[in-house]
Amino acid sequence: MKQKIAKGIRVVTVPPVLVSAMLLILYQVYGDEFASGTMLLCGIFFLALLPVLAYPLASWGYQRRKHPNRFLTLREKQRNLAFLLTPVGYFLGWIAGWLGHCSAMMMGVLTVI
């Protein structure tokens, strides 16, 4: 039972779920003062979905690559790609917010790395 609770906590507290929840809560509380619907979807895509895409992308092109002392496992490749795509998502989100003239609150969320 404890393992199921621990797994549930791990799933709910992963960063993409938390950032999506934060964006949705801020939108619910502040509405259009926080962001337009389009910018909300852009924020969820760039901050939550883009890092999650690292997992199927890494699996799709997975080949065992030689690291200095060992082979890189699929899980390690997925994590490395997710860590790479997270700042890329923030940067692309910032560009979309800048081009979309989003609110200062939303830009604040998009510029926090």
Protein backbone atom coordinates (compact mmCIF):
# COMPACT_ATOMS: atom_id res chain seq x y z
CA MET A 1 0.00 0.00 0.00
CA LYS A 2 2.83 2.40 0.87
CA GLN A 3 4.49 1.74 -2.49
CA LYS A 4 1.29 2.61 -4.36
CA ILE A 5 0.95 5.86 -2.40
CA ALA A 6 4.61 6.69 -3.05
CA LYS A 7 4.21 6.01 -6.77
CA GLY A 8 1.08 8.19 -6.87
CA ILE A 9 2.98 11.03 -5.19
CA ARG A 10 5.86 10.63 -7.67
CA VAL A 11 3.49 10.79 -10.65
CA VAL A 12 1.60 13.84 -9.37
CA THR A 13 4.72 15.80 -8.43
CA VAL A 14 6.66 15.51 -11.68
CA PRO A 15 7.48 18.99 -13.02
CA PRO A 16 5.25 18.88 -16.14
CA VAL A 17 2.19 18.06 -14.03
CA LEU A 18 3.03 20.76 -11.49
CA VAL A 19 3.68 23.46 -14.09
CA SER A 20 0.43 22.59 -15.89
CA ALA A 21 -1.48 22.76 -12.62
CA MET A 22 0.15 26.08 -11.75
CA LEU A 23 -0.74 27.59 -15.13
CA LEU A 24 -4.33 26.35 -14.91
CA ILE A 25 -4.75 27.64 -11.34
CA LEU A 26 -3.34 31.05 -12.24
CA TYR A 27 -5.64 31.21 -15.26
CA GLN A 28 -8.61 30.20 -13.12
CA VAL A 29 -7.84 32.85 -10.49
CA TYR A 30 -6.76 35.75 -12.73
CA GLY A 31 -8.41 34.87 -16.05
CA ASP A 32 -7.47 37.03 -19.02
CA GLU A 33 -5.42 39.27 -16.75
CA PHE A 34 -2.98 36.36 -16.47
CA ALA A 35 -3.04 35.09 -20.06
CA SER A 36 -5.24 34.61 -23.08
CA GLY A 37 -6.42 31.11 -23.85
CA THR A 38 -3.91 30.85 -26.67
CA MET A 39 -1.00 31.90 -24.47
CA LEU A 40 -2.16 29.47 -21.78
CA LEU A 41 -2.01 26.63 -24.31
CA CYS A 42 1.41 27.83 -25.52
CA GLY A 43 2.66 27.86 -21.94
CA ILE A 44 1.38 24.34 -21.29
CA PHE A 45 2.91 23.11 -24.54
CA PHE A 46 6.34 24.68 -24.10
CA LEU A 47 6.73 24.18 -20.34
CA ALA A 48 5.02 20.82 -19.84
CA LEU A 49 4.53 18.87 -23.05
CA LEU A 50 7.83 19.62 -24.78
CA PRO A 51 9.96 18.08 -21.97
CA VAL A 52 7.64 15.05 -21.87
CA LEU A 53 8.16 14.54 -25.61
CA ALA A 54 11.76 13.63 -24.78
CA TYR A 55 10.64 10.17 -23.65
CA PRO A 56 9.05 8.96 -26.90
CA LEU A 57 11.71 10.78 -28.94
CA ALA A 58 14.53 9.05 -27.08
CA SER A 59 12.85 5.67 -27.44
CA TRP A 60 12.23 6.21 -31.13
CA GLY A 61 15.86 6.78 -32.03
CA TYR A 62 17.46 4.71 -29.29
CA GLN A 63 20.69 2.94 -30.00
CA ARG A 64 23.17 1.87 -27.39
CA ARG A 65 25.84 4.54 -27.46
CA LYS A 66 29.21 4.09 -25.89
CA HIS A 67 29.82 6.44 -22.98
CA PRO A 68 33.41 6.80 -21.72
CA ASN A 69 33.16 3.78 -19.39
CA ARG A 70 29.83 2.14 -20.24
CA PHE A 71 26.81 2.11 -22.53
CA LEU A 72 24.13 4.75 -22.14
CA THR A 73 20.82 3.14 -21.14
CA LEU A 74 17.48 4.16 -22.62
CA ARG A 75 16.38 5.68 -19.30
CA GLU A 76 19.54 7.79 -19.11
CA LYS A 77 19.06 8.95 -22.69
CA GLN A 78 15.43 9.89 -21.94
CA ARG A 79 16.44 11.88 -18.87
CA ASN A 80 19.28 13.63 -20.70
CA LEU A 81 16.98 14.61 -23.54
CA ALA A 82 14.32 15.83 -21.08
CA PHE A 83 16.93 17.97 -19.32
CA LEU A 84 17.92 19.38 -22.71
CA LEU A 85 14.37 20.07 -23.89
CA THR A 86 13.32 21.88 -20.68
CA PRO A 87 15.40 25.05 -21.25
CA VAL A 88 14.58 24.86 -24.96
CA GLY A 89 10.89 24.88 -24.01
CA TYR A 90 11.37 27.88 -21.72
CA PHE A 91 13.23 29.75 -24.44
CA LEU A 92 10.64 28.98 -27.12
CA GLY A 93 7.87 29.87 -24.66
CA TRP A 94 9.56 33.19 -23.96
CA ILE A 95 9.80 33.88 -27.69
CA ALA A 96 6.12 33.00 -28.15
CA GLY A 97 5.17 35.23 -25.22
CA TRP A 98 7.25 38.09 -26.55
CA LEU A 99 5.82 37.77 -30.04
CA GLY A 100 2.29 37.26 -28.68
CA HIS A 101 2.47 40.30 -26.37
CA CYS A 102 1.36 38.30 -23.35
CA SER A 103 0.83 39.78 -19.90
CA ALA A 104 3.61 40.54 -17.46
CA MET A 105 2.45 37.71 -15.18
CA MET A 106 2.69 35.17 -17.96
CA MET A 107 6.08 36.51 -19.05
CA GLY A 108 7.20 36.11 -15.45
CA VAL A 109 6.30 32.43 -15.59
CA LEU A 110 7.94 31.98 -18.97
CA THR A 111 11.22 33.59 -17.94
CA VAL A 112 11.81 31.65 -14.71
CA ILE A 113 14.39 28.94 -15.31
